[in-house]
Protein backbone atom coordinates (compact mmCIF):
# COMPACT_ATOMS: atom_id res chain seq x y z
CA MET A 1 2.28 -92.65 129.79
CA ASN A 2 0.61 -90.13 127.61
CA LYS A 3 1.11 -88.99 124.86
CA ILE A 4 1.67 -84.78 124.53
CA ASN A 5 0.26 -82.95 121.31
CA LYS A 6 -1.32 -80.12 123.20
CA ILE A 7 0.58 -77.48 123.76
CA GLY A 8 1.11 -73.43 124.98
CA PHE A 9 4.23 -71.23 124.58
CA ILE A 10 4.71 -68.34 126.46
CA GLY A 11 7.71 -66.03 125.32
CA ILE A 12 7.62 -64.95 121.68
CA GLY A 13 11.04 -63.37 121.87
CA ASN A 14 14.19 -63.62 120.16
CA MET A 15 14.68 -67.33 121.72
CA GLY A 16 11.25 -68.43 122.11
CA ASN A 17 9.95 -67.62 118.74
CA PRO A 18 12.02 -69.34 116.88
CA MET A 19 12.09 -71.98 119.21
CA ALA A 20 7.59 -72.20 118.79
CA ALA A 21 8.01 -71.88 115.09
CA ARG A 22 9.80 -74.89 115.55
CA VAL A 23 7.33 -77.02 117.95
CA ALA A 24 4.51 -75.57 114.80
CA ALA A 25 5.81 -77.07 112.11
CA VAL A 26 6.05 -80.69 112.79
CA GLY A 27 2.46 -80.58 114.40
CA PHE A 28 1.88 -80.46 116.90
CA ASP A 29 -1.40 -78.74 118.25
CA LEU A 30 0.33 -75.26 119.62
CA SER A 31 -1.22 -72.17 120.97
CA VAL A 32 1.06 -68.88 122.09
CA TYR A 33 1.20 -66.15 124.37
CA ASP A 34 3.20 -63.20 124.18
CA ILE A 35 2.66 -59.95 126.80
CA ASN A 36 2.77 -58.26 123.14
CA PRO A 37 -0.08 -59.36 121.75
CA GLU A 38 1.66 -58.31 118.42
CA ALA A 39 4.36 -60.45 118.53
CA SER A 40 1.71 -63.45 119.31
CA ALA A 41 -0.66 -62.88 115.94
CA THR A 42 2.47 -61.81 113.72
CA PHE A 43 3.36 -65.34 114.73
CA ALA A 44 -0.04 -67.00 114.48
CA ALA A 45 -0.51 -65.63 111.40
CA LYS A 46 3.31 -67.47 109.74
CA HIS A 47 2.63 -70.09 111.32
CA GLY A 48 -1.26 -71.07 111.75
CA CYS A 49 -1.48 -71.66 115.36
CA ARG A 50 -4.11 -70.23 118.08
CA VAL A 51 -3.45 -67.44 119.64
CA ALA A 52 -4.43 -67.61 123.81
CA ALA A 53 -6.24 -64.16 125.13
CA SER A 54 -5.29 -64.90 128.09
CA LEU A 55 -2.65 -67.06 130.67
CA ALA A 56 -5.87 -69.04 131.67
CA GLN A 57 -7.08 -70.02 128.12
CA LEU A 58 -3.57 -70.67 127.17
CA GLY A 59 -4.06 -73.18 130.73
CA ARG A 60 -7.38 -74.54 129.65
CA GLU A 61 -6.28 -75.51 126.46
CA ALA A 62 -2.35 -77.48 126.80
CA GLU A 63 -0.86 -81.07 128.34
CA ALA A 64 1.76 -79.05 128.47
CA VAL A 65 2.73 -75.29 128.30
CA ILE A 66 6.27 -74.22 127.75
CA THR A 67 7.92 -70.89 129.21
CA MET A 68 10.78 -69.13 127.38
CA LEU A 69 10.81 -65.79 129.52
CA PRO A 70 14.15 -63.32 130.66
CA THR A 71 13.31 -64.30 133.90
CA ASP A 72 12.06 -66.97 136.79
CA LYS A 73 10.01 -64.20 138.87
CA ILE A 74 8.17 -63.71 135.46
CA VAL A 75 7.75 -67.11 134.91
CA ASN A 76 6.98 -67.98 138.60
CA ALA A 77 4.09 -64.62 137.88
CA VAL A 78 3.20 -66.48 134.47
CA ILE A 79 2.59 -69.33 136.29
CA LEU A 80 1.57 -68.87 139.33
CA GLY A 81 0.46 -65.40 139.44
CA ASP A 82 -3.59 -65.21 139.93
CA ASP A 83 -4.30 -65.08 136.31
CA GLY A 84 -2.06 -67.41 135.63
CA VAL A 85 -1.28 -70.96 134.10
CA ALA A 86 -1.71 -73.36 137.30
CA ALA A 87 -5.58 -72.30 137.63
CA THR A 88 -6.64 -73.89 134.94
CA LEU A 89 -3.91 -76.23 134.08
CA ALA A 90 -5.45 -79.56 134.25
CA ARG A 91 -3.99 -82.33 136.70
CA GLY A 92 -1.87 -84.68 135.18
CA SER A 93 -0.12 -81.92 132.58
CA VAL A 94 3.57 -80.16 132.41
CA VAL A 95 5.28 -77.20 132.79
CA VAL A 96 8.20 -76.54 130.30
CA ASP A 97 10.59 -73.53 131.48
CA MET A 98 13.10 -73.63 128.96
CA SER A 99 14.52 -70.15 130.07
CA THR A 100 17.54 -69.75 132.05
CA SER A 101 15.80 -69.67 135.92
CA ASP A 102 17.37 -70.19 139.19
CA PRO A 103 17.32 -73.33 139.94
CA VAL A 104 15.89 -72.81 143.66
CA ALA A 105 13.01 -70.92 142.51
CA THR A 106 12.86 -74.28 139.98
CA GLN A 107 12.07 -76.61 143.01
CA ALA A 108 10.03 -74.08 144.71
CA LEU A 109 7.13 -73.84 141.86
CA ALA A 110 7.24 -77.51 141.54
CA ALA A 111 6.88 -77.71 145.32
CA ALA A 112 3.85 -75.32 144.70
CA LEU A 113 2.14 -77.44 141.44
CA ALA A 114 2.86 -80.80 142.85
CA PRO A 115 0.05 -81.12 145.12
CA ARG A 116 -2.12 -79.34 142.10
CA GLY A 117 -0.65 -83.16 140.19
CA ILE A 118 0.97 -80.86 137.79
CA ASP A 119 4.46 -81.39 136.79
CA VAL A 120 7.50 -79.49 135.82
CA VAL A 121 10.08 -79.85 133.68
CA ASP A 122 13.28 -77.66 134.01
CA ALA A 123 14.68 -77.63 130.14
CA PRO A 124 17.20 -74.81 129.15
CA VAL A 125 19.18 -74.96 125.90
CA MET A 126 22.32 -74.20 124.79
CA GLY A 127 22.72 -72.81 122.03
CA GLY A 128 21.31 -69.10 120.11
CA VAL A 129 18.75 -67.61 117.99
CA VAL A 130 20.50 -69.79 114.75
CA PHE A 131 20.44 -73.27 116.38
CA ALA A 132 16.41 -72.42 117.74
CA ARG A 133 15.99 -71.59 114.08
CA ASP A 134 17.04 -75.14 112.46
CA GLY A 135 16.23 -76.99 115.48
CA THR A 136 19.57 -78.03 116.78
CA LEU A 137 19.57 -77.14 120.52
CA ASP A 138 21.21 -78.60 122.81
CA ILE A 139 18.69 -79.22 125.65
CA MET A 140 18.90 -80.45 129.33
CA ALA A 141 15.75 -81.97 131.06
CA ALA A 142 15.63 -82.08 134.82
CA GLY A 143 12.14 -83.35 136.98
CA ASP A 144 9.99 -86.30 137.89
CA ASP A 145 11.78 -89.10 134.84
CA ALA A 146 8.00 -90.07 133.67
CA ALA A 147 7.52 -86.43 132.87
CA VAL A 148 11.24 -85.67 131.94
CA ALA A 149 9.86 -88.74 129.11
CA ARG A 150 6.98 -87.65 128.02
CA VAL A 151 8.00 -84.07 127.46
CA THR A 152 11.39 -85.31 125.41
CA PRO A 153 9.68 -86.05 122.15
CA LEU A 154 8.33 -82.28 122.20
CA LEU A 155 11.85 -81.00 123.42
CA HIS A 156 13.14 -83.09 120.51
CA SER A 157 11.23 -80.99 118.43
CA MET A 158 13.69 -77.75 118.67
CA GLY A 159 16.80 -79.70 119.62
CA ARG A 160 19.34 -82.10 118.89
CA SER A 161 19.66 -83.51 122.28
CA VAL A 162 17.79 -84.09 125.16
CA THR A 163 20.10 -84.70 128.67
CA PRO A 164 18.15 -85.93 131.17
CA CYS A 165 19.79 -84.56 134.76
CA GLY A 166 18.17 -85.69 137.06
CA ALA A 167 15.78 -83.93 139.99
CA ALA A 168 13.67 -80.22 139.13
CA GLY A 169 16.47 -77.36 139.36
CA ASN A 170 18.90 -79.78 137.91
CA ALA A 171 19.21 -78.45 134.72
CA HIS A 172 19.18 -74.80 135.30
CA ALA A 173 21.79 -75.50 137.34
CA LEU A 174 24.02 -77.29 134.96
CA LYS A 175 23.03 -74.73 132.21
CA ALA A 176 23.94 -71.49 134.88
CA LEU A 177 27.62 -73.40 135.69
CA ALA A 178 27.58 -73.43 132.08
CA ASN A 179 27.57 -70.04 131.10
CA TYR A 180 29.65 -69.45 133.72
CA ILE A 181 32.36 -71.65 132.18
CA ASN A 182 31.82 -70.25 128.92
CA ALA A 183 31.50 -66.20 130.54
CA CYS A 184 35.41 -67.11 132.61
CA ALA A 185 36.85 -68.93 129.17
CA LEU A 186 36.59 -65.93 127.41
CA ILE A 187 38.01 -63.49 129.40
CA ASN A 188 40.47 -65.66 130.12
CA VAL A 189 41.35 -65.70 126.43
CA VAL A 190 41.06 -62.14 126.52
CA GLU A 191 43.09 -61.68 129.37
CA ALA A 192 46.24 -63.53 127.86
CA MET A 193 46.02 -61.91 124.15
CA THR A 194 45.86 -58.85 125.31
CA ILE A 195 48.68 -59.37 127.66
CA GLY A 196 51.18 -61.03 124.57
CA ARG A 197 49.95 -57.89 121.90
CA LYS A 198 50.95 -55.67 124.40
CA PHE A 199 54.10 -57.97 124.74
CA GLY A 200 54.36 -57.63 120.92
CA LEU A 201 52.68 -60.87 119.76
CA ASP A 202 50.20 -60.51 116.69
CA ALA A 203 46.94 -60.82 117.24
CA LYS A 204 45.50 -63.80 114.53
CA MET A 205 48.84 -65.06 115.10
CA MET A 206 48.79 -66.24 118.85
CA ALA A 207 44.86 -66.75 117.72
CA ASP A 208 45.75 -69.64 115.40
CA ALA A 209 48.46 -70.99 117.72
CA LEU A 210 46.19 -71.10 120.71
CA LEU A 211 43.12 -73.19 119.02
CA PRO A 212 45.01 -76.49 119.04
CA MET A 213 46.96 -75.71 122.62
CA ILE A 214 43.54 -75.05 124.72
CA ASN A 215 40.90 -76.78 121.98
CA GLY A 216 40.43 -80.37 121.82
CA ARG A 217 41.98 -83.38 123.35
CA GLN A 218 44.11 -80.52 125.17
CA HIS A 219 41.18 -78.95 126.84
CA PRO A 220 41.08 -79.87 130.55
CA LEU A 221 37.53 -81.36 130.61
CA GLU A 222 38.44 -83.99 128.25
CA LYS A 223 42.40 -84.25 128.68
CA LYS A 224 42.46 -83.70 132.78
CA ILE A 225 39.27 -83.61 134.34
CA LEU A 226 37.50 -87.16 132.90
CA PRO A 227 40.33 -88.92 132.61
CA GLN A 228 42.57 -88.10 135.86
CA VAL A 229 40.65 -86.37 138.60
CA MET A 230 37.49 -88.55 137.81
CA THR A 231 38.89 -91.09 137.50
CA ARG A 232 41.17 -90.15 141.33
CA HIS A 233 44.35 -91.23 138.62
CA PHE A 234 45.65 -87.89 138.90
CA ASN A 235 49.02 -89.17 137.11
CA THR A 236 49.54 -86.68 133.90
CA GLY A 237 53.43 -86.21 134.71
CA MET A 238 53.11 -82.44 135.88
CA ALA A 239 53.02 -81.07 139.06
CA MET A 240 51.15 -78.66 140.43
CA GLY A 241 54.37 -76.32 141.83
CA LEU A 242 55.13 -76.48 138.33
CA VAL A 243 52.10 -75.24 137.47
CA ALA A 244 52.31 -72.55 139.66
CA LYS A 245 55.56 -71.62 138.56
CA ASP A 246 54.44 -71.34 134.75
CA ILE A 247 51.06 -69.26 135.86
CA GLY A 248 54.05 -66.83 138.38
CA ILE A 249 55.83 -66.05 134.80
CA ALA A 250 52.36 -65.11 132.91
CA VAL A 251 51.43 -63.05 134.94
CA ALA A 252 55.38 -61.10 136.01
CA THR A 253 55.26 -61.29 132.19
CA ALA A 254 52.55 -59.02 132.78
CA LYS A 255 53.68 -56.66 135.31
CA SER A 256 56.75 -56.24 133.63
CA ILE A 257 54.60 -54.59 130.72
CA GLY A 258 51.72 -52.81 132.31
CA ALA A 259 49.35 -55.48 131.53
CA HIS A 260 46.03 -55.33 132.97
CA ALA A 261 45.97 -58.95 134.38
CA PRO A 262 43.56 -59.43 137.87
CA LEU A 263 42.50 -63.26 136.49
CA ALA A 264 45.85 -64.93 136.21
CA GLU A 265 46.63 -62.97 139.46
CA LEU A 266 44.43 -64.70 140.66
CA THR A 267 45.28 -67.81 139.75
CA HIS A 268 48.25 -67.44 140.77
CA LYS A 269 47.08 -67.33 144.37
CA LEU A 270 44.53 -69.86 144.83
CA TRP A 271 47.70 -72.76 142.52
CA LEU A 272 50.32 -71.20 145.22
CA GLU A 273 47.20 -71.66 147.42
CA ALA A 274 46.37 -75.58 146.53
CA ALA A 275 50.47 -76.34 146.07
CA ALA A 276 50.85 -75.25 149.72
CA LYS A 277 47.96 -77.15 151.22
CA ILE A 278 47.81 -79.91 148.99
CA GLY A 279 51.37 -80.81 147.95
CA GLY A 280 53.30 -78.64 145.30
CA HIS A 281 55.48 -81.93 144.32
CA LEU A 282 51.91 -83.87 143.59
CA ASP A 283 50.53 -84.29 139.97
CA GLN A 284 48.76 -80.82 138.57
CA THR A 285 45.33 -82.57 138.81
CA GLU A 286 45.03 -82.73 142.24
CA VAL A 287 44.47 -78.84 142.60
CA ALA A 288 41.02 -80.54 142.36
CA LYS A 289 40.94 -81.27 145.88
CA LEU A 290 41.70 -77.72 146.78
CA TRP A 291 37.90 -76.99 146.12
CA GLU A 292 36.84 -80.77 147.13
CA GLN A 293 37.55 -80.09 150.30
CA ALA A 294 36.82 -76.54 151.10
CA SER A 295 32.56 -77.43 149.50
CA GLY A 296 32.61 -81.39 150.97
CA VAL A 297 32.24 -83.38 147.53
CA THR A 298 34.39 -85.65 145.52
CA LEU A 299 34.66 -84.83 141.72
CA GLN A 300 34.63 -89.10 141.34
CA ALA A 301 32.29 -91.00 139.40
C-alpha cells in the first residue's frame, strides 16, 4: 500500500479552512485551491503550504485530493469538468469527498473515475467548526477497502474517529440520515416543549426534567433499537397500543390549548396504523416492522 503524502485541498471555507489547517499541522505536503484566490493565499501564508494556480495544477501535484464544497454538483464540476482535477490526477490517486453530498452522485463519480484508475472515498464529517479546529470531527469513510485504508491516516489528522461504512456512497448516505435524525429530533423537542409551555410548564424546568428522560440510556437507539429491534427480542414490556394511547393524550392536550402539534398528530397516526396492522398487544419495539415491511428490509443485526 503506497503511503499518501501529497495532498490537494479544494474549498477553504468555514469548515475547509480549519480542516486543511489540521492537515498542514501534522506535516502533509499540502496544496490548496479555492474559488476565492484571496482565501487560498491567506491560508497558505498562515500555514506554510502552496496555492495551486488551477485545478489542473492541484491534480498534477497531488496523490490525494480532498473536496469540502457546498454541493455534489460543485464537487462533480471541480473533479470532472473540462479543467477539472481528474484530467491531471495520476492513476492510483484518491479523491476524498468530505462534503455532504448526494450518495447517488458519489456512486456515479466513483464509476466515472474507476476506468482512470482513480479511487473515490466519501468521508463526510459530523461536528461543526469548533471540532474542525481541534481535529475532533467524527468521520465516516466509504469506498474500496484499500483506498479507505490509504487515506485513513490523512482523515485521522482531522478527526478523532474514522468509521468505515462499506462501498462508495455509503458514508454520504449515513451522513444524510444522521442529519435527518438530528433535524427531526430538534423539532420534536421544540414541539413538545412549546406544547408544555402553552400548558403552563416552565421551559427551564422542562429542559432539566427531559434530559434524563430522553438521553443516554433512555435514548431509543440505545434502549430499544440496539437491544430489542436488532436482536429481534421485542421485549421492553410495554405494548404498542399503550404507546399509541399515550401519544393520543399528548395530541389531545395540544388540541385542548390550541398548541401547534403536527409531528405529534402524524406520530399518533403512525402508531395507530402500526397497532392495527401488526398488533396493539405486541411490544412497542415491533413498531419497527411498519417500516421494515414497507421497505422490504429488516434491521436484524
